[in-house]
Amino acid sequence: MFAIKLTLILLGLSVYLICTVVGFVVGIPALLESGGTAEIIAAFGGFITWLLISFGMAIHIIKTARPTAGAR
């Protein structure tokens, strides 16, 4: 069971890191080249989505590490 959880955690982490690197390495230069209104709105939406996923993962990790932190 531990091996399956570890594999899923590492898989999720690697997919998140790959998407982050691709977004910043490929997406930002493409946005700076074209810079149209639609591209800027799409980039803002993508950034907000990335930010929400990042915060959600951080909250999930904290709640998993300390499951009784919020309960009284």
N, C-alpha and C. Protein backbone atom coordinates (compact mmCIF):
# COMPACT_ATOMS: atom_id res chain seq x y z
N MET A 1 0.82 -1.19 0.00
CA MET A 1 0.00 0.00 0.00
C MET A 1 0.86 1.26 0.00
N PHE A 2 1.96 1.22 0.76
CA PHE A 2 2.86 2.36 0.81
C PHE A 2 3.48 2.66 -0.55
N ALA A 3 3.82 1.60 -1.29
CA ALA A 3 4.43 1.79 -2.61
C ALA A 3 3.47 2.45 -3.58
N ILE A 4 2.20 2.10 -3.50
CA ILE A 4 1.21 2.70 -4.39
C ILE A 4 1.04 4.18 -4.07
N LYS A 5 0.94 4.52 -2.77
CA LYS A 5 0.80 5.93 -2.38
C LYS A 5 2.03 6.73 -2.79
N LEU A 6 3.20 6.16 -2.58
CA LEU A 6 4.44 6.86 -2.96
C LEU A 6 4.49 7.07 -4.46
N THR A 7 4.10 6.07 -5.23
CA THR A 7 4.10 6.19 -6.68
C THR A 7 3.14 7.28 -7.14
N LEU A 8 1.95 7.32 -6.55
CA LEU A 8 0.97 8.34 -6.93
C LEU A 8 1.43 9.74 -6.54
N ILE A 9 2.06 9.86 -5.39
CA ILE A 9 2.58 11.16 -4.96
C ILE A 9 3.68 11.63 -5.90
N LEU A 10 4.61 10.76 -6.23
CA LEU A 10 5.70 11.13 -7.13
C LEU A 10 5.19 11.42 -8.54
N LEU A 11 4.20 10.67 -8.99
CA LEU A 11 3.62 10.93 -10.30
C LEU A 11 2.92 12.28 -10.34
N GLY A 12 2.14 12.57 -9.33
CA GLY A 12 1.45 13.86 -9.26
C GLY A 12 2.43 15.02 -9.17
N LEU A 13 3.47 14.84 -8.37
CA LEU A 13 4.49 15.89 -8.22
C LEU A 13 5.23 16.12 -9.53
N SER A 14 5.57 15.05 -10.23
CA SER A 14 6.30 15.23 -11.49
C SER A 14 5.41 15.87 -12.56
N VAL A 15 4.13 15.50 -12.62
CA VAL A 15 3.22 16.13 -13.59
C VAL A 15 3.05 17.61 -13.26
N TYR A 16 2.91 17.94 -11.98
CA TYR A 16 2.77 19.34 -11.57
C TYR A 16 4.02 20.14 -11.93
N LEU A 17 5.19 19.59 -11.66
CA LEU A 17 6.43 20.31 -11.96
C LEU A 17 6.64 20.46 -13.46
N ILE A 18 6.32 19.44 -14.23
CA ILE A 18 6.46 19.52 -15.69
C ILE A 18 5.52 20.59 -16.24
N CYS A 19 4.27 20.60 -15.76
CA CYS A 19 3.32 21.61 -16.24
C CYS A 19 3.75 23.01 -15.83
N THR A 20 4.32 23.15 -14.65
CA THR A 20 4.80 24.46 -14.20
C THR A 20 5.95 24.94 -15.07
N VAL A 21 6.91 24.08 -15.33
CA VAL A 21 8.06 24.47 -16.14
C VAL A 21 7.63 24.80 -17.56
N VAL A 22 6.77 23.97 -18.14
CA VAL A 22 6.30 24.23 -19.50
C VAL A 22 5.53 25.54 -19.55
N GLY A 23 4.71 25.79 -18.55
CA GLY A 23 3.94 27.03 -18.52
C GLY A 23 4.81 28.26 -18.47
N PHE A 24 5.87 28.20 -17.67
CA PHE A 24 6.73 29.37 -17.54
C PHE A 24 7.75 29.49 -18.67
N VAL A 25 8.24 28.37 -19.18
CA VAL A 25 9.26 28.42 -20.23
C VAL A 25 8.65 28.64 -21.61
N VAL A 26 7.52 28.02 -21.88
CA VAL A 26 6.89 28.14 -23.19
C VAL A 26 5.82 29.23 -23.20
N GLY A 27 5.02 29.30 -22.15
CA GLY A 27 3.88 30.20 -22.15
C GLY A 27 4.23 31.67 -22.04
N ILE A 28 5.13 32.01 -21.17
CA ILE A 28 5.46 33.43 -20.96
C ILE A 28 6.14 34.04 -22.18
N PRO A 29 7.14 33.40 -22.79
CA PRO A 29 7.70 34.00 -24.01
C PRO A 29 6.68 34.13 -25.14
N ALA A 30 5.79 33.16 -25.27
CA ALA A 30 4.75 33.26 -26.31
C ALA A 30 3.80 34.41 -26.01
N LEU A 31 3.51 34.63 -24.75
CA LEU A 31 2.65 35.74 -24.37
C LEU A 31 3.33 37.08 -24.65
N LEU A 32 4.61 37.16 -24.39
CA LEU A 32 5.33 38.41 -24.62
C LEU A 32 5.48 38.71 -26.11
N GLU A 33 5.54 37.67 -26.94
CA GLU A 33 5.65 37.89 -28.39
C GLU A 33 4.36 38.46 -28.97
N SER A 34 3.24 37.83 -28.65
CA SER A 34 1.99 38.26 -29.29
C SER A 34 1.33 39.37 -28.48
N GLY A 35 1.04 39.12 -27.21
CA GLY A 35 0.51 40.15 -26.33
C GLY A 35 -0.86 40.67 -26.67
N GLY A 36 -1.68 39.90 -27.39
CA GLY A 36 -3.03 40.34 -27.69
C GLY A 36 -3.93 40.22 -26.47
N THR A 37 -5.10 40.81 -26.56
CA THR A 37 -6.02 40.81 -25.42
C THR A 37 -6.46 39.41 -25.05
N ALA A 38 -6.78 38.59 -26.03
CA ALA A 38 -7.23 37.23 -25.76
C ALA A 38 -6.13 36.41 -25.10
N GLU A 39 -4.89 36.61 -25.55
CA GLU A 39 -3.78 35.87 -24.97
C GLU A 39 -3.53 36.28 -23.53
N ILE A 40 -3.67 37.57 -23.25
CA ILE A 40 -3.45 38.05 -21.89
C ILE A 40 -4.53 37.52 -20.96
N ILE A 41 -5.77 37.49 -21.41
CA ILE A 41 -6.86 36.95 -20.59
C ILE A 41 -6.65 35.45 -20.35
N ALA A 42 -6.24 34.71 -21.38
CA ALA A 42 -5.98 33.29 -21.23
C ALA A 42 -4.80 33.04 -20.28
N ALA A 43 -3.76 33.88 -20.37
CA ALA A 43 -2.62 33.73 -19.48
C ALA A 43 -3.01 34.02 -18.04
N PHE A 44 -3.86 35.03 -17.83
CA PHE A 44 -4.32 35.33 -16.49
C PHE A 44 -5.15 34.18 -15.92
N GLY A 45 -6.02 33.61 -16.75
CA GLY A 45 -6.80 32.45 -16.32
C GLY A 45 -5.92 31.25 -15.99
N GLY A 46 -4.91 31.03 -16.81
CA GLY A 46 -3.97 29.94 -16.55
C GLY A 46 -3.19 30.15 -15.28
N PHE A 47 -2.77 31.39 -15.04
CA PHE A 47 -2.02 31.70 -13.82
C PHE A 47 -2.89 31.52 -12.58
N ILE A 48 -4.13 31.96 -12.64
CA ILE A 48 -5.03 31.79 -11.50
C ILE A 48 -5.30 30.31 -11.24
N THR A 49 -5.47 29.54 -12.31
CA THR A 49 -5.66 28.09 -12.16
C THR A 49 -4.45 27.45 -11.51
N TRP A 50 -3.25 27.82 -11.96
CA TRP A 50 -2.02 27.28 -11.39
C TRP A 50 -1.89 27.68 -9.92
N LEU A 51 -2.25 28.91 -9.60
CA LEU A 51 -2.18 29.38 -8.23
C LEU A 51 -3.15 28.62 -7.33
N LEU A 52 -4.37 28.40 -7.79
CA LEU A 52 -5.34 27.65 -7.00
C LEU A 52 -4.91 26.20 -6.79
N ILE A 53 -4.35 25.59 -7.81
CA ILE A 53 -3.86 24.22 -7.68
C ILE A 53 -2.71 24.17 -6.69
N SER A 54 -1.81 25.15 -6.75
CA SER A 54 -0.67 25.18 -5.82
C SER A 54 -1.14 25.34 -4.38
N PHE A 55 -2.04 26.28 -4.13
CA PHE A 55 -2.56 26.47 -2.78
C PHE A 55 -3.34 25.25 -2.31
N GLY A 56 -4.11 24.66 -3.19
CA GLY A 56 -4.86 23.45 -2.84
C GLY A 56 -3.95 22.30 -2.45
N MET A 57 -2.85 22.13 -3.20
CA MET A 57 -1.90 21.08 -2.84
C MET A 57 -1.23 21.37 -1.51
N ALA A 58 -0.88 22.63 -1.25
CA ALA A 58 -0.25 22.98 0.02
C ALA A 58 -1.20 22.73 1.18
N ILE A 59 -2.46 23.10 1.02
CA ILE A 59 -3.44 22.86 2.08
C ILE A 59 -3.65 21.36 2.29
N HIS A 60 -3.70 20.61 1.20
CA HIS A 60 -3.87 19.16 1.31
C HIS A 60 -2.69 18.53 2.05
N ILE A 61 -1.48 18.96 1.74
CA ILE A 61 -0.30 18.41 2.40
C ILE A 61 -0.31 18.76 3.89
N ILE A 62 -0.67 19.99 4.23
CA ILE A 62 -0.72 20.39 5.63
C ILE A 62 -1.81 19.62 6.38
N LYS A 63 -2.98 19.48 5.79
CA LYS A 63 -4.06 18.76 6.46
C LYS A 63 -3.74 17.27 6.59
N THR A 64 -3.01 16.70 5.64
CA THR A 64 -2.63 15.30 5.73
C THR A 64 -1.58 15.09 6.82
N ALA A 65 -0.66 16.03 6.93
CA ALA A 65 0.40 15.90 7.92
C ALA A 65 -0.14 16.12 9.34
N ARG A 66 -1.10 17.02 9.49
CA ARG A 66 -1.67 17.33 10.79
C ARG A 66 -3.20 17.26 10.70
N PRO A 67 -3.77 16.06 10.71
CA PRO A 67 -5.22 15.94 10.51
C PRO A 67 -6.07 16.53 11.64
N THR A 68 -5.51 16.70 12.82
CA THR A 68 -6.29 17.24 13.94
C THR A 68 -6.06 18.72 14.16
N ALA A 69 -5.38 19.39 13.26
CA ALA A 69 -5.06 20.80 13.47
C ALA A 69 -6.31 21.68 13.46
N GLY A 70 -7.30 21.36 12.63
CA GLY A 70 -8.49 22.19 12.54
C GLY A 70 -9.62 21.75 13.45
N ALA A 71 -9.57 20.52 13.95
CA ALA A 71 -10.65 19.98 14.79
C ALA A 71 -10.43 20.38 16.24
N ARG A 72 -11.55 20.53 16.96
CA ARG A 72 -11.45 20.87 18.40
C ARG A 72 -12.17 19.84 19.21
